Amino acid sequence: MKYMFLIFEDPALMATMSDDDWRQMGREHNAFADEAAAAGKMHGGSPLDNSKGTAAVQARDGGVLTVDGPFAETKEQLCGYYLLDCEDLEEAKIWAAKIPSARLGTIEVRPLGEIPTG
């Protein structure tokens, strides 16, 4: 089953990281992605760009409401994701704990649903 690993981090904490810290975090994410790929688990992933370039869009009653910036006021913001194929939620939790950002924020693990066809 495929699982989405949503990476949430605290922007205030991330702002305190040095350039060396960022390079180290990048190396750790690359190592995680390499390990997941070598195990045949990796099906995608990407960091998300700064949330300042974000918009939230709602379509209601024939109208469209657009709000600039992150929609939810939260301490942590969605910063990226991985998509892995795992046997079950227990295996997915093991992989989530290996994601370097788990030390700085939260990894939300969600199973992907099926879209019915026909």
C-alpha atoms as a PDB file:
ATOM      1  CA  MET A   1       0.000   0.000   0.000  1.00  0.00           C
ATOM      2  CA  LYS A   2       1.250   3.493  -0.782  1.00  0.00           C
ATOM      3  CA  TYR A   3       1.625   5.997   2.048  1.00  0.00           C
ATOM      4  CA  MET A   4       2.113   9.749   1.896  1.00  0.00           C
ATOM      5  CA  PHE A   5       4.605  11.076   4.425  1.00  0.00           C
ATOM      6  CA  LEU A   6       3.742  14.737   5.011  1.00  0.00           C
ATOM      7  CA  ILE A   7       6.639  16.668   6.521  1.00  0.00           C
ATOM      8  CA  PHE A   8       5.699  19.493   8.895  1.00  0.00           C
ATOM      9  CA  GLU A   9       8.356  21.810  10.322  1.00  0.00           C
ATOM     10  CA  ASP A  10       8.415  24.925  12.502  1.00  0.00           C
ATOM     11  CA  PRO A  11       9.494  27.876  10.298  1.00  0.00           C
ATOM     12  CA  ALA A  12      10.847  29.761  13.335  1.00  0.00           C
ATOM     13  CA  LEU A  13      13.117  26.828  14.177  1.00  0.00           C
ATOM     14  CA  MET A  14      14.183  26.438  10.558  1.00  0.00           C
ATOM     15  CA  ALA A  15      15.120  30.140  10.429  1.00  0.00           C
ATOM     16  CA  THR A  16      17.709  29.542  13.173  1.00  0.00           C
ATOM     17  CA  MET A  17      19.573  26.898  11.151  1.00  0.00           C
ATOM     18  CA  SER A  18      22.995  27.783   9.746  1.00  0.00           C
ATOM     19  CA  ASP A  19      24.034  27.120   6.160  1.00  0.00           C
ATOM     20  CA  ASP A  20      26.005  24.112   7.421  1.00  0.00           C
ATOM     21  CA  ASP A  21      22.871  22.829   9.206  1.00  0.00           C
ATOM     22  CA  TRP A  22      20.886  23.132   5.954  1.00  0.00           C
ATOM     23  CA  ARG A  23      23.567  21.297   3.965  1.00  0.00           C
ATOM     24  CA  GLN A  24      23.654  18.515   6.582  1.00  0.00           C
ATOM     25  CA  MET A  25      19.852  18.229   6.533  1.00  0.00           C
ATOM     26  CA  GLY A  26      19.962  17.981   2.734  1.00  0.00           C
ATOM     27  CA  ARG A  27      22.565  15.204   2.909  1.00  0.00           C
ATOM     28  CA  GLU A  28      20.417  13.337   5.439  1.00  0.00           C
ATOM     29  CA  HIS A  29      17.302  13.642   3.255  1.00  0.00           C
ATOM     30  CA  ASN A  30      19.281  12.417   0.242  1.00  0.00           C
ATOM     31  CA  ALA A  31      20.523   9.429   2.283  1.00  0.00           C
ATOM     32  CA  PHE A  32      16.948   8.651   3.376  1.00  0.00           C
ATOM     33  CA  ALA A  33      15.700   8.842  -0.231  1.00  0.00           C
ATOM     34  CA  ASP A  34      18.573   6.615  -1.404  1.00  0.00           C
ATOM     35  CA  GLU A  35      17.808   4.038   1.311  1.00  0.00           C
ATOM     36  CA  ALA A  36      14.083   4.012   0.467  1.00  0.00           C
ATOM     37  CA  ALA A  37      14.852   3.709  -3.268  1.00  0.00           C
ATOM     38  CA  ALA A  38      17.335   0.865  -2.697  1.00  0.00           C
ATOM     39  CA  ALA A  39      14.652  -0.959  -0.681  1.00  0.00           C
ATOM     40  CA  GLY A  40      12.174  -0.536  -3.551  1.00  0.00           C
ATOM     41  CA  LYS A  41       9.898   1.651  -1.415  1.00  0.00           C
ATOM     42  CA  MET A  42      10.334   5.122  -2.984  1.00  0.00           C
ATOM     43  CA  HIS A  43       7.616   6.385  -5.328  1.00  0.00           C
ATOM     44  CA  GLY A  44       8.333  10.109  -5.137  1.00  0.00           C
ATOM     45  CA  GLY A  45       8.922  13.059  -2.926  1.00  0.00           C
ATOM     46  CA  SER A  46       9.770  16.722  -2.985  1.00  0.00           C
ATOM     47  CA  PRO A  47      10.384  19.678  -0.728  1.00  0.00           C
ATOM     48  CA  LEU A  48       7.831  22.464  -0.940  1.00  0.00           C
ATOM     49  CA  ASP A  49       8.969  26.015  -1.591  1.00  0.00           C
ATOM     50  CA  ASN A  50       8.523  28.808   0.941  1.00  0.00           C
ATOM     51  CA  SER A  51       4.912  29.184   2.076  1.00  0.00           C
ATOM     52  CA  LYS A  52       4.984  32.910   1.218  1.00  0.00           C
ATOM     53  CA  GLY A  53       4.245  31.907  -2.382  1.00  0.00           C
ATOM     54  CA  THR A  54       1.121  29.972  -1.367  1.00  0.00           C
ATOM     55  CA  ALA A  55      -2.561  30.576  -1.992  1.00  0.00           C
ATOM     56  CA  ALA A  56      -5.656  28.883  -0.601  1.00  0.00           C
ATOM     57  CA  VAL A  57      -8.605  28.653  -3.002  1.00  0.00           C
ATOM     58  CA  GLN A  58     -12.248  27.854  -2.208  1.00  0.00           C
ATOM     59  CA  ALA A  59     -15.069  27.600  -4.736  1.00  0.00           C
ATOM     60  CA  ARG A  60     -18.463  28.210  -3.117  1.00  0.00           C
ATOM     61  CA  ASP A  61     -21.894  29.096  -4.486  1.00  0.00           C
ATOM     62  CA  GLY A  62     -20.527  30.012  -7.910  1.00  0.00           C
ATOM     63  CA  GLY A  63     -17.803  32.267  -6.489  1.00  0.00           C
ATOM     64  CA  VAL A  64     -14.121  31.848  -5.775  1.00  0.00           C
ATOM     65  CA  LEU A  65     -12.355  32.992  -2.613  1.00  0.00           C
ATOM     66  CA  THR A  66      -8.567  33.228  -2.723  1.00  0.00           C
ATOM     67  CA  VAL A  67      -6.363  33.898   0.298  1.00  0.00           C
ATOM     68  CA  ASP A  68      -2.619  34.461  -0.026  1.00  0.00           C
ATOM     69  CA  GLY A  69      -0.270  32.574   2.267  1.00  0.00           C
ATOM     70  CA  PRO A  70      -0.812  29.403   4.265  1.00  0.00           C
ATOM     71  CA  PHE A  71      -4.490  28.740   4.892  1.00  0.00           C
ATOM     72  CA  ALA A  72      -4.163  27.391   8.437  1.00  0.00           C
ATOM     73  CA  GLU A  73      -2.610  29.290  11.312  1.00  0.00           C
ATOM     74  CA  THR A  74      -0.368  26.641  12.811  1.00  0.00           C
ATOM     75  CA  LYS A  75       3.038  26.479  14.446  1.00  0.00           C
ATOM     76  CA  GLU A  76       4.268  23.936  11.900  1.00  0.00           C
ATOM     77  CA  GLN A  77       3.911  24.233   8.135  1.00  0.00           C
ATOM     78  CA  LEU A  78       3.865  21.589   5.434  1.00  0.00           C
ATOM     79  CA  CYS A  79       7.388  21.625   3.951  1.00  0.00           C
ATOM     80  CA  GLY A  80       7.527  18.527   1.771  1.00  0.00           C
ATOM     81  CA  TYR A  81       6.502  14.930   1.281  1.00  0.00           C
ATOM     82  CA  TYR A  82       7.628  11.438   0.402  1.00  0.00           C
ATOM     83  CA  LEU A  83       5.529   8.725  -1.216  1.00  0.00           C
ATOM     84  CA  LEU A  84       6.542   5.195  -0.227  1.00  0.00           C
ATOM     85  CA  ASP A  85       5.087   1.745  -0.749  1.00  0.00           C
ATOM     86  CA  CYS A  86       4.898  -0.072   2.610  1.00  0.00           C
ATOM     87  CA  GLU A  87       3.391  -3.369   3.727  1.00  0.00           C
ATOM     88  CA  ASP A  88       1.276  -1.710   6.413  1.00  0.00           C
ATOM     89  CA  LEU A  89       1.046   1.259   8.782  1.00  0.00           C
ATOM     90  CA  GLU A  90       3.573  -0.284  11.172  1.00  0.00           C
ATOM     91  CA  GLU A  91       6.224  -0.407   8.457  1.00  0.00           C
ATOM     92  CA  ALA A  92       5.262   3.119   7.360  1.00  0.00           C
ATOM     93  CA  LYS A  93       5.854   4.396  10.909  1.00  0.00           C
ATOM     94  CA  ILE A  94       9.331   2.844  10.900  1.00  0.00           C
ATOM     95  CA  TRP A  95      10.168   4.693   7.669  1.00  0.00           C
ATOM     96  CA  ALA A  96       8.655   7.932   9.011  1.00  0.00           C
ATOM     97  CA  ALA A  97      10.965   7.832  12.019  1.00  0.00           C
ATOM     98  CA  LYS A  98      13.953   7.679   9.634  1.00  0.00           C
ATOM     99  CA  ILE A  99      13.021  10.949   7.900  1.00  0.00           C
ATOM    100  CA  PRO A 100      15.494  13.564   9.199  1.00  0.00           C
ATOM    101  CA  SER A 101      12.757  16.164   9.698  1.00  0.00           C
ATOM    102  CA  ALA A 102      11.110  13.926  12.306  1.00  0.00           C
ATOM    103  CA  ARG A 103      13.734  15.312  14.721  1.00  0.00           C
ATOM    104  CA  LEU A 104      12.577  18.895  14.096  1.00  0.00           C
ATOM    105  CA  GLY A 105       8.861  18.592  13.439  1.00  0.00           C
ATOM    106  CA  THR A 106       6.155  16.060  12.660  1.00  0.00           C
ATOM    107  CA  ILE A 107       5.752  13.437   9.949  1.00  0.00           C
ATOM    108  CA  GLU A 108       2.105  12.691   9.234  1.00  0.00           C
ATOM    109  CA  VAL A 109       1.647   9.249   7.655  1.00  0.00           C
ATOM    110  CA  ARG A 110      -1.466   8.832   5.517  1.00  0.00           C
ATOM    111  CA  PRO A 111      -2.476   5.853   3.361  1.00  0.00           C
ATOM    112  CA  LEU A 112      -3.427   6.724  -0.194  1.00  0.00           C
ATOM    113  CA  GLY A 113      -6.987   5.922  -1.170  1.00  0.00           C
ATOM    114  CA  GLU A 114      -8.133   4.376  -4.414  1.00  0.00           C
ATOM    115  CA  ILE A 115      -9.987   6.410  -7.032  1.00  0.00           C
ATOM    116  CA  PRO A 116     -12.788   4.277  -8.477  1.00  0.00           C
ATOM    117  CA  THR A 117     -12.827   4.036 -12.244  1.00  0.00           C
ATOM    118  CA  GLY A 118     -15.621   3.175 -14.597  1.00  0.00           C
END
